[in-house]
């Protein structure tokens, strides 16, 4: 006697798969919990920062908070979307061979699809514009002015008020020394191609354009040694455009300036430095 065939499309959904999904989800959560409990405090803090370095300036926490809130917003939106997908899969799964009711459009849902993203984008734009205005505000009340020169393929730093400069060589990285807890105004210039001045621990970077002077201000507030680099693919030796930043007490900074002058590095190096009108000085 033949066994009647079963139409896979009309067969009711089996509940036997659900326990497997639950077990899989529980296993994934357990793995996450196990990994989390094995992390050190510094690793946990790094995860909380979303992979960003620990902020080393007074302005950097504004950028970090913007980054963290963006992730929170993205996770909320993701959870909402996945929740709606799961609800649709469960509540509107196919039962039998009946064709679902056909509709041309659903005005409330289409309005939701239009208005909700618009609200999210406008909200993120508002906070981004607010924080950007605060970060890029130049008050000209700095304690120190440094002319940063990006050139092929290294960096030079002119300490304008102190009348000294530091410059790197192919064998040695450039070194930028800054006093702690004093506002620094950076004036960025280039005599050749576009570079980008980036100190990851400052959580900020700005492009360095030929014929244009870009400016920003920061206040380093943590003594330490930080890496710097060019963040713009500027040419064949782009990877060599590395520099070191040392944030030091005021007395050590003054000793550094004296050592530069003792080595004959007084005045300003020829840089193609420009004024605000774009004219070379």
C-alpha atoms as a PDB file:
ATOM      1  CA  UNK A   1       0.000   0.000   0.000  1.00  0.00           C
ATOM      2  CA  UNK A   2       1.423   3.359  -1.012  1.00  0.00           C
ATOM      3  CA  UNK A   3       2.031   6.109   1.481  1.00  0.00           C
ATOM      4  CA  UNK A   4       0.185   9.310   0.694  1.00  0.00           C
ATOM      5  CA  UNK A   5       2.507  12.129  -0.198  1.00  0.00           C
ATOM      6  CA  UNK A   6       2.625  15.220   1.894  1.00  0.00           C
ATOM      7  CA  UNK A   7       2.636  18.627   0.256  1.00  0.00           C
ATOM      8  CA  UNK A   8       5.467  20.514   1.909  1.00  0.00           C
ATOM      9  CA  UNK A   9       3.758  23.822   1.177  1.00  0.00           C
ATOM     10  CA  UNK A  10       0.527  22.827   2.912  1.00  0.00           C
ATOM     11  CA  UNK A  11       2.145  21.038   5.819  1.00  0.00           C
ATOM     12  CA  UNK A  12       1.599  23.009   9.031  1.00  0.00           C
ATOM     13  CA  UNK A  13       4.657  24.512  10.598  1.00  0.00           C
ATOM     14  CA  UNK A  14       6.304  22.114  12.986  1.00  0.00           C
ATOM     15  CA  UNK A  15       7.099  23.268  16.486  1.00  0.00           C
ATOM     16  CA  UNK A  16      10.053  20.887  16.725  1.00  0.00           C
ATOM     17  CA  UNK A  17      12.436  23.460  15.272  1.00  0.00           C
ATOM     18  CA  UNK A  18      11.680  26.063  17.883  1.00  0.00           C
ATOM     19  CA  UNK A  19      13.599  24.399  20.751  1.00  0.00           C
ATOM     20  CA  UNK A  20      16.674  24.225  18.534  1.00  0.00           C
ATOM     21  CA  UNK A  21      16.464  27.926  17.858  1.00  0.00           C
ATOM     22  CA  UNK A  22      16.044  28.632  21.553  1.00  0.00           C
ATOM     23  CA  UNK A  23      19.051  26.472  22.400  1.00  0.00           C
ATOM     24  CA  UNK A  24      21.117  28.170  19.715  1.00  0.00           C
ATOM     25  CA  UNK A  25      20.180  31.599  21.004  1.00  0.00           C
ATOM     26  CA  UNK A  26      20.916  30.605  24.589  1.00  0.00           C
ATOM     27  CA  UNK A  27      24.301  29.234  23.533  1.00  0.00           C
ATOM     28  CA  UNK A  28      25.182  32.454  21.752  1.00  0.00           C
ATOM     29  CA  UNK A  29      24.205  34.526  24.775  1.00  0.00           C
ATOM     30  CA  UNK A  30      26.207  32.259  27.067  1.00  0.00           C
ATOM     31  CA  UNK A  31      29.259  32.644  24.815  1.00  0.00           C
ATOM     32  CA  UNK A  32      28.918  36.414  24.893  1.00  0.00           C
ATOM     33  CA  UNK A  33      28.608  36.378  28.686  1.00  0.00           C
ATOM     34  CA  UNK A  34      31.654  34.115  28.994  1.00  0.00           C
ATOM     35  CA  UNK A  35      33.777  36.337  26.788  1.00  0.00           C
ATOM     36  CA  UNK A  36      32.591  39.467  28.575  1.00  0.00           C
ATOM     37  CA  UNK A  37      33.484  38.123  32.026  1.00  0.00           C
ATOM     38  CA  UNK A  38      36.983  37.275  30.789  1.00  0.00           C
ATOM     39  CA  UNK A  39      37.713  40.815  29.636  1.00  0.00           C
ATOM     40  CA  UNK A  40      39.932  43.161  31.609  1.00  0.00           C
ATOM     41  CA  UNK A  41      38.710  46.557  32.767  1.00  0.00           C
ATOM     42  CA  UNK A  42      40.659  48.313  30.017  1.00  0.00           C
ATOM     43  CA  UNK A  43      39.127  46.037  27.380  1.00  0.00           C
ATOM     44  CA  UNK A  44      35.632  46.698  28.726  1.00  0.00           C
ATOM     45  CA  UNK A  45      36.293  50.451  28.609  1.00  0.00           C
ATOM     46  CA  UNK A  46      37.540  50.101  25.016  1.00  0.00           C
ATOM     47  CA  UNK A  47      34.287  48.353  24.074  1.00  0.00           C
ATOM     48  CA  UNK A  48      32.328  51.108  25.771  1.00  0.00           C
ATOM     49  CA  UNK A  49      34.201  53.640  23.634  1.00  0.00           C
ATOM     50  CA  UNK A  50      33.294  51.717  20.506  1.00  0.00           C
ATOM     51  CA  UNK A  51      36.937  51.051  19.683  1.00  0.00           C
ATOM     52  CA  UNK A  52      38.012  54.696  20.049  1.00  0.00           C
ATOM     53  CA  UNK A  53      41.187  55.521  21.996  1.00  0.00           C
ATOM     54  CA  UNK A  54      40.824  57.109  25.422  1.00  0.00           C
ATOM     55  CA  UNK A  55      40.243  60.872  24.891  1.00  0.00           C
ATOM     56  CA  UNK A  56      43.341  62.997  25.520  1.00  0.00           C
ATOM     57  CA  UNK A  57      41.922  66.519  25.077  1.00  0.00           C
ATOM     58  CA  UNK A  58      39.128  68.591  26.582  1.00  0.00           C
ATOM     59  CA  UNK A  59      37.261  68.551  23.253  1.00  0.00           C
ATOM     60  CA  UNK A  60      37.578  64.814  22.527  1.00  0.00           C
ATOM     61  CA  UNK A  61      34.745  63.628  24.851  1.00  0.00           C
ATOM     62  CA  UNK A  62      32.263  65.567  22.686  1.00  0.00           C
ATOM     63  CA  UNK A  63      33.299  63.486  19.669  1.00  0.00           C
ATOM     64  CA  UNK A  64      33.265  60.270  21.707  1.00  0.00           C
ATOM     65  CA  UNK A  65      29.748  60.942  22.980  1.00  0.00           C
ATOM     66  CA  UNK A  66      28.548  61.647  19.442  1.00  0.00           C
ATOM     67  CA  UNK A  67      30.024  58.315  18.327  1.00  0.00           C
ATOM     68  CA  UNK A  68      28.478  56.384  21.217  1.00  0.00           C
ATOM     69  CA  UNK A  69      25.026  57.923  20.768  1.00  0.00           C
ATOM     70  CA  UNK A  70      25.163  57.170  17.038  1.00  0.00           C
ATOM     71  CA  UNK A  71      25.766  53.517  17.862  1.00  0.00           C
ATOM     72  CA  UNK A  72      22.906  53.520  20.377  1.00  0.00           C
ATOM     73  CA  UNK A  73      20.571  55.020  17.775  1.00  0.00           C
ATOM     74  CA  UNK A  74      21.722  52.477  15.175  1.00  0.00           C
ATOM     75  CA  UNK A  75      21.163  49.571  17.585  1.00  0.00           C
ATOM     76  CA  UNK A  76      17.676  50.812  18.474  1.00  0.00           C
ATOM     77  CA  UNK A  77      16.739  51.127  14.816  1.00  0.00           C
ATOM     78  CA  UNK A  78      18.239  47.717  14.094  1.00  0.00           C
ATOM     79  CA  UNK A  79      16.327  46.100  16.965  1.00  0.00           C
ATOM     80  CA  UNK A  80      13.091  47.724  15.764  1.00  0.00           C
ATOM     81  CA  UNK A  81      13.597  46.549  12.188  1.00  0.00           C
ATOM     82  CA  UNK A  82      14.503  43.020  13.208  1.00  0.00           C
ATOM     83  CA  UNK A  83      11.552  42.951  15.600  1.00  0.00           C
ATOM     84  CA  UNK A  84       9.150  43.937  12.823  1.00  0.00           C
ATOM     85  CA  UNK A  85      10.682  41.319  10.516  1.00  0.00           C
ATOM     86  CA  UNK A  86      10.255  38.581  13.138  1.00  0.00           C
ATOM     87  CA  UNK A  87       6.669  39.656  13.844  1.00  0.00           C
ATOM     88  CA  UNK A  88       5.903  39.575  10.115  1.00  0.00           C
ATOM     89  CA  UNK A  89       7.476  36.121   9.772  1.00  0.00           C
ATOM     90  CA  UNK A  90       5.453  34.700  12.666  1.00  0.00           C
ATOM     91  CA  UNK A  91       2.142  36.514  12.292  1.00  0.00           C
ATOM     92  CA  UNK A  92       1.916  36.444   8.512  1.00  0.00           C
ATOM     93  CA  UNK A  93       3.568  33.147   7.662  1.00  0.00           C
ATOM     94  CA  UNK A  94       1.945  31.197   4.892  1.00  0.00           C
ATOM     95  CA  UNK A  95      -0.862  28.858   5.916  1.00  0.00           C
ATOM     96  CA  UNK A  96      -2.099  26.489   3.237  1.00  0.00           C
ATOM     97  CA  UNK A  97      -2.447  27.595  -0.376  1.00  0.00           C
ATOM     98  CA  UNK A  98      -4.630  30.616   0.217  1.00  0.00           C
ATOM     99  CA  UNK A  99      -3.481  33.704  -1.602  1.00  0.00           C
ATOM    100  CA  UNK A 100      -3.143  36.679   0.793  1.00  0.00           C
ATOM    101  CA  UNK A 101      -5.363  39.651   0.337  1.00  0.00           C
ATOM    102  CA  UNK A 102      -3.871  41.868  -2.368  1.00  0.00           C
ATOM    103  CA  UNK A 103      -3.655  45.623  -1.772  1.00  0.00           C
ATOM    104  CA  UNK A 104      -2.226  48.429  -3.897  1.00  0.00           C
ATOM    105  CA  UNK A 105      -0.875  50.461  -1.025  1.00  0.00           C
ATOM    106  CA  UNK A 106      -1.194  51.182   2.675  1.00  0.00           C
ATOM    107  CA  UNK A 107      -1.126  54.916   3.250  1.00  0.00           C
ATOM    108  CA  UNK A 108      -0.382  54.889   7.035  1.00  0.00           C
ATOM    109  CA  UNK A 109       2.543  52.489   6.610  1.00  0.00           C
ATOM    110  CA  UNK A 110       3.967  54.419   3.660  1.00  0.00           C
ATOM    111  CA  UNK A 111       3.742  57.657   5.648  1.00  0.00           C
ATOM    112  CA  UNK A 112       5.521  55.910   8.540  1.00  0.00           C
ATOM    113  CA  UNK A 113       8.287  54.755   6.181  1.00  0.00           C
ATOM    114  CA  UNK A 114       8.753  58.352   5.032  1.00  0.00           C
ATOM    115  CA  UNK A 115       8.330  60.320   8.250  1.00  0.00           C
ATOM    116  CA  UNK A 116      10.254  58.041  10.643  1.00  0.00           C
ATOM    117  CA  UNK A 117      13.561  58.093   8.684  1.00  0.00           C
ATOM    118  CA  UNK A 118      13.169  61.841   8.162  1.00  0.00           C
ATOM    119  CA  UNK A 119      12.833  62.402  11.900  1.00  0.00           C
ATOM    120  CA  UNK A 120      15.866  60.207  12.623  1.00  0.00           C
ATOM    121  CA  UNK A 121      18.045  61.958  10.035  1.00  0.00           C
ATOM    122  CA  UNK A 122      17.013  65.435  11.198  1.00  0.00           C
ATOM    123  CA  UNK A 123      17.708  64.503  14.822  1.00  0.00           C
ATOM    124  CA  UNK A 124      21.180  63.153  14.031  1.00  0.00           C
ATOM    125  CA  UNK A 125      21.906  66.181  11.833  1.00  0.00           C
ATOM    126  CA  UNK A 126      20.975  68.552  14.661  1.00  0.00           C
ATOM    127  CA  UNK A 127      23.296  66.942  17.200  1.00  0.00           C
ATOM    128  CA  UNK A 128      26.097  66.555  14.653  1.00  0.00           C
ATOM    129  CA  UNK A 129      25.886  70.212  13.601  1.00  0.00           C
ATOM    130  CA  UNK A 130      25.769  71.325  17.246  1.00  0.00           C
ATOM    131  CA  UNK A 131      28.836  69.298  18.230  1.00  0.00           C
ATOM    132  CA  UNK A 132      30.742  70.236  15.080  1.00  0.00           C
ATOM    133  CA  UNK A 133      30.204  73.933  15.763  1.00  0.00           C
ATOM    134  CA  UNK A 134      31.549  73.481  19.297  1.00  0.00           C
ATOM    135  CA  UNK A 135      34.575  71.431  18.219  1.00  0.00           C
ATOM    136  CA  UNK A 136      35.578  73.709  15.341  1.00  0.00           C
ATOM    137  CA  UNK A 137      35.048  76.950  17.242  1.00  0.00           C
ATOM    138  CA  UNK A 138      38.202  79.094  17.141  1.00  0.00           C
ATOM    139  CA  UNK A 139      38.421  81.639  19.966  1.00  0.00           C
ATOM    140  CA  UNK A 140      42.017  82.807  19.368  1.00  0.00           C
ATOM    141  CA  UNK A 141      42.745  82.797  23.093  1.00  0.00           C
ATOM    142  CA  UNK A 142      45.320  80.004  22.768  1.00  0.00           C
ATOM    143  CA  UNK A 143      48.458  79.741  24.858  1.00  0.00           C
ATOM    144  CA  UNK A 144      50.439  78.195  21.993  1.00  0.00           C
ATOM    145  CA  UNK A 145      50.292  78.394  18.181  1.00  0.00           C
ATOM    146  CA  UNK A 146      51.776  75.594  16.097  1.00  0.00           C
ATOM    147  CA  UNK A 147      52.063  75.760  12.315  1.00  0.00           C
ATOM    148  CA  UNK A 148      51.784  72.152  11.121  1.00  0.00           C
ATOM    149  CA  UNK A 149      53.387  71.601   7.720  1.00  0.00           C
ATOM    150  CA  UNK A 150      52.607  68.416   5.821  1.00  0.00           C
ATOM    151  CA  UNK A 151      55.017  67.844   2.951  1.00  0.00           C
ATOM    152  CA  UNK A 152      56.255  64.960   0.823  1.00  0.00           C
ATOM    153  CA  UNK A 153      56.855  62.868   2.925  1.00  0.00           C
ATOM    154  CA  UNK A 154      57.070  64.091   6.507  1.00  0.00           C
ATOM    155  CA  UNK A 155      55.944  66.723   8.980  1.00  0.00           C
ATOM    156  CA  UNK A 156      57.370  69.965  10.306  1.00  0.00           C
ATOM    157  CA  UNK A 157      56.089  71.878  13.342  1.00  0.00           C
ATOM    158  CA  UNK A 158      56.744  75.607  13.670  1.00  0.00           C
ATOM    159  CA  UNK A 159      56.333  76.950  17.214  1.00  0.00           C
ATOM    160  CA  UNK A 160      55.423  80.442  16.070  1.00  0.00           C
ATOM    161  CA  UNK A 161      55.450  82.270  19.399  1.00  0.00           C
ATOM    162  CA  UNK A 162      58.610  80.524  20.607  1.00  0.00           C
ATOM    163  CA  UNK A 163      60.542  81.007  17.357  1.00  0.00           C
ATOM    164  CA  UNK A 164      61.590  77.370  16.947  1.00  0.00           C
ATOM    165  CA  UNK A 165      60.734  74.426  14.738  1.00  0.00           C
ATOM    166  CA  UNK A 166      60.862  70.631  14.740  1.00  0.00           C
ATOM    167  CA  UNK A 167      61.135  68.548  11.577  1.00  0.00           C
ATOM    168  CA  UNK A 168      61.335  64.852  10.839  1.00  0.00           C
ATOM    169  CA  UNK A 169      63.679  62.980   8.527  1.00  0.00           C
ATOM    170  CA  UNK A 170      63.259  59.721   6.591  1.00  0.00           C
ATOM    171  CA  UNK A 171      65.149  57.985   9.414  1.00  0.00           C
ATOM    172  CA  UNK A 172      63.425  59.696  12.348  1.00  0.00           C
ATOM    173  CA  UNK A 173      59.818  60.565  12.963  1.00  0.00           C
ATOM    174  CA  UNK A 174      58.785  64.133  13.558  1.00  0.00           C
ATOM    175  CA  UNK A 175      58.078  64.942  17.185  1.00  0.00           C
ATOM    176  CA  UNK A 176      55.389  67.334  18.360  1.00  0.00           C
ATOM    177  CA  UNK A 177      55.691  68.387  22.000  1.00  0.00           C
ATOM    178  CA  UNK A 178      52.779  70.181  23.699  1.00  0.00           C
ATOM    179  CA  UNK A 179      52.290  71.536  27.225  1.00  0.00           C
ATOM    180  CA  UNK A 180      49.501  69.888  29.187  1.00  0.00           C
ATOM    181  CA  UNK A 181      46.325  71.834  30.039  1.00  0.00           C
ATOM    182  CA  UNK A 182      47.150  74.687  27.641  1.00  0.00           C
ATOM    183  CA  UNK A 183      45.055  75.484  24.585  1.00  0.00           C
ATOM    184  CA  UNK A 184      46.885  74.958  21.291  1.00  0.00           C
ATOM    185  CA  UNK A 185      45.922  76.498  17.974  1.00  0.00           C
ATOM    186  CA  UNK A 186      47.005  74.415  14.989  1.00  0.00           C
ATOM    187  CA  UNK A 187      47.486  76.130  11.640  1.00  0.00           C
ATOM    188  CA  UNK A 188      47.693  73.487   8.912  1.00  0.00           C
ATOM    189  CA  UNK A 189      49.546  74.172   5.646  1.00  0.00           C
ATOM    190  CA  UNK A 190      51.115  72.212   2.804  1.00  0.00           C
ATOM    191  CA  UNK A 191      53.543  73.247   0.031  1.00  0.00           C
ATOM    192  CA  UNK A 192      52.731  70.318  -2.269  1.00  0.00           C
ATOM    193  CA  UNK A 193      49.741  67.906  -2.047  1.00  0.00           C
ATOM    194  CA  UNK A 194      46.787  67.245   0.233  1.00  0.00           C
ATOM    195  CA  UNK A 195      47.656  65.561   3.541  1.00  0.00           C
ATOM    196  CA  UNK A 196      45.582  65.000   6.680  1.00  0.00           C
ATOM    197  CA  UNK A 197      46.752  65.769  10.215  1.00  0.00           C
ATOM    198  CA  UNK A 198      45.473  63.066  12.563  1.00  0.00           C
ATOM    199  CA  UNK A 199      46.187  62.288  16.205  1.00  0.00           C
ATOM    200  CA  UNK A 200      43.858  59.358  17.015  1.00  0.00           C
ATOM    201  CA  UNK A 201      43.868  60.013  20.782  1.00  0.00           C
ATOM    202  CA  UNK A 202      42.614  63.559  20.100  1.00  0.00           C
ATOM    203  CA  UNK A 203      39.659  61.941  18.255  1.00  0.00           C
ATOM    204  CA  UNK A 204      39.962  64.553  15.537  1.00  0.00           C
ATOM    205  CA  UNK A 205      41.661  65.096  12.197  1.00  0.00           C
ATOM    206  CA  UNK A 206      41.711  67.817   9.571  1.00  0.00           C
ATOM    207  CA  UNK A 207      42.939  67.943   5.986  1.00  0.00           C
ATOM    208  CA  UNK A 208      46.035  69.927   5.044  1.00  0.00           C
ATOM    209  CA  UNK A 209      45.519  71.721   1.719  1.00  0.00           C
ATOM    210  CA  UNK A 210      48.069  73.510  -0.482  1.00  0.00           C
ATOM    211  CA  UNK A 211      47.217  77.206  -0.762  1.00  0.00           C
ATOM    212  CA  UNK A 212      44.861  77.169   2.197  1.00  0.00           C
ATOM    213  CA  UNK A 213      45.314  77.469   5.955  1.00  0.00           C
ATOM    214  CA  UNK A 214      43.018  75.234   8.014  1.00  0.00           C
ATOM    215  CA  UNK A 215      42.767  75.968  11.730  1.00  0.00           C
ATOM    216  CA  UNK A 216      41.502  74.231  14.851  1.00  0.00           C
ATOM    217  CA  UNK A 217      42.078  74.426  18.607  1.00  0.00           C
ATOM    218  CA  UNK A 218      42.430  71.735  21.254  1.00  0.00           C
ATOM    219  CA  UNK A 219      43.521  71.579  24.882  1.00  0.00           C
ATOM    220  CA  UNK A 220      45.570  68.430  25.657  1.00  0.00           C
ATOM    221  CA  UNK A 221      44.728  67.375  29.216  1.00  0.00           C
ATOM    222  CA  UNK A 222      46.549  64.050  29.677  1.00  0.00           C
ATOM    223  CA  UNK A 223      50.297  63.679  29.935  1.00  0.00           C
ATOM    224  CA  UNK A 224      51.524  60.922  27.666  1.00  0.00           C
ATOM    225  CA  UNK A 225      52.941  59.846  24.324  1.00  0.00           C
ATOM    226  CA  UNK A 226      50.544  59.530  21.380  1.00  0.00           C
ATOM    227  CA  UNK A 227      50.826  58.408  17.778  1.00  0.00           C
ATOM    228  CA  UNK A 228      50.124  60.712  14.860  1.00  0.00           C
ATOM    229  CA  UNK A 229      49.862  60.064  11.157  1.00  0.00           C
ATOM    230  CA  UNK A 230      48.631  61.275   7.806  1.00  0.00           C
ATOM    231  CA  UNK A 231      45.073  60.110   7.161  1.00  0.00           C
ATOM    232  CA  UNK A 232      45.035  61.051   3.465  1.00  0.00           C
ATOM    233  CA  UNK A 233      46.484  58.792   0.758  1.00  0.00           C
ATOM    234  CA  UNK A 234      48.942  61.446  -0.382  1.00  0.00           C
ATOM    235  CA  UNK A 235      51.433  59.528  -2.501  1.00  0.00           C
ATOM    236  CA  UNK A 236      54.148  56.921  -2.701  1.00  0.00           C
ATOM    237  CA  UNK A 237      55.532  57.380   0.841  1.00  0.00           C
ATOM    238  CA  UNK A 238      52.240  58.119   2.574  1.00  0.00           C
ATOM    239  CA  UNK A 239      52.884  55.253   4.986  1.00  0.00           C
ATOM    240  CA  UNK A 240      56.052  56.995   6.198  1.00  0.00           C
ATOM    241  CA  UNK A 241      54.223  60.131   7.334  1.00  0.00           C
ATOM    242  CA  UNK A 242      54.167  59.185  10.995  1.00  0.00           C
ATOM    243  CA  UNK A 243      54.912  61.439  13.940  1.00  0.00           C
ATOM    244  CA  UNK A 244      54.952  61.282  17.728  1.00  0.00           C
ATOM    245  CA  UNK A 245      53.081  63.592  20.076  1.00  0.00           C
ATOM    246  CA  UNK A 246      54.313  64.145  23.627  1.00  0.00           C
ATOM    247  CA  UNK A 247      52.086  65.997  26.085  1.00  0.00           C
ATOM    248  CA  UNK A 248      54.329  67.153  28.923  1.00  0.00           C
ATOM    249  CA  UNK A 249      54.414  69.572  31.874  1.00  0.00           C
ATOM    250  CA  UNK A 250      55.130  73.217  31.061  1.00  0.00           C
ATOM    251  CA  UNK A 251      58.741  73.103  32.319  1.00  0.00           C
ATOM    252  CA  UNK A 252      59.535  70.111  30.108  1.00  0.00           C
ATOM    253  CA  UNK A 253      57.989  71.861  27.117  1.00  0.00           C
ATOM    254  CA  UNK A 254      60.188  74.929  27.683  1.00  0.00           C
ATOM    255  CA  UNK A 255      63.236  72.687  27.925  1.00  0.00           C
ATOM    256  CA  UNK A 256      62.232  71.094  24.603  1.00  0.00           C
ATOM    257  CA  UNK A 257      62.057  74.509  22.915  1.00  0.00           C
ATOM    258  CA  UNK A 258      65.485  75.380  24.321  1.00  0.00           C
ATOM    259  CA  UNK A 259      66.909  72.118  22.946  1.00  0.00           C
ATOM    260  CA  UNK A 260      65.554  72.908  19.472  1.00  0.00           C
ATOM    261  CA  UNK A 261      67.228  76.317  19.493  1.00  0.00           C
ATOM    262  CA  UNK A 262      70.466  74.773  20.752  1.00  0.00           C
ATOM    263  CA  UNK A 263      70.449  72.502  17.680  1.00  0.00           C
ATOM    264  CA  UNK A 264      70.071  75.526  15.395  1.00  0.00           C
ATOM    265  CA  UNK A 265      66.358  75.039  14.772  1.00  0.00           C
ATOM    266  CA  UNK A 266      65.361  78.639  15.440  1.00  0.00           C
ATOM    267  CA  UNK A 267      62.877  80.687  13.445  1.00  0.00           C
ATOM    268  CA  UNK A 268      60.525  79.028  10.976  1.00  0.00           C
ATOM    269  CA  UNK A 269      61.285  76.459   8.342  1.00  0.00           C
ATOM    270  CA  UNK A 270      60.328  77.349   4.746  1.00  0.00           C
ATOM    271  CA  UNK A 271      56.899  75.839   4.380  1.00  0.00           C
ATOM    272  CA  UNK A 272      54.753  77.521   1.786  1.00  0.00           C
ATOM    273  CA  UNK A 273      52.678  78.782   4.721  1.00  0.00           C
ATOM    274  CA  UNK A 274      49.590  80.709   3.626  1.00  0.00           C
ATOM    275  CA  UNK A 275      47.392  83.362   5.145  1.00  0.00           C
ATOM    276  CA  UNK A 276      43.600  83.275   5.451  1.00  0.00           C
ATOM    277  CA  UNK A 277      43.228  84.695   1.922  1.00  0.00           C
ATOM    278  CA  UNK A 278      45.224  81.796   0.499  1.00  0.00           C
ATOM    279  CA  UNK A 279      48.276  83.905  -0.346  1.00  0.00           C
ATOM    280  CA  UNK A 280      51.731  82.490   0.407  1.00  0.00           C
ATOM    281  CA  UNK A 281      53.550  84.283   3.210  1.00  0.00           C
END
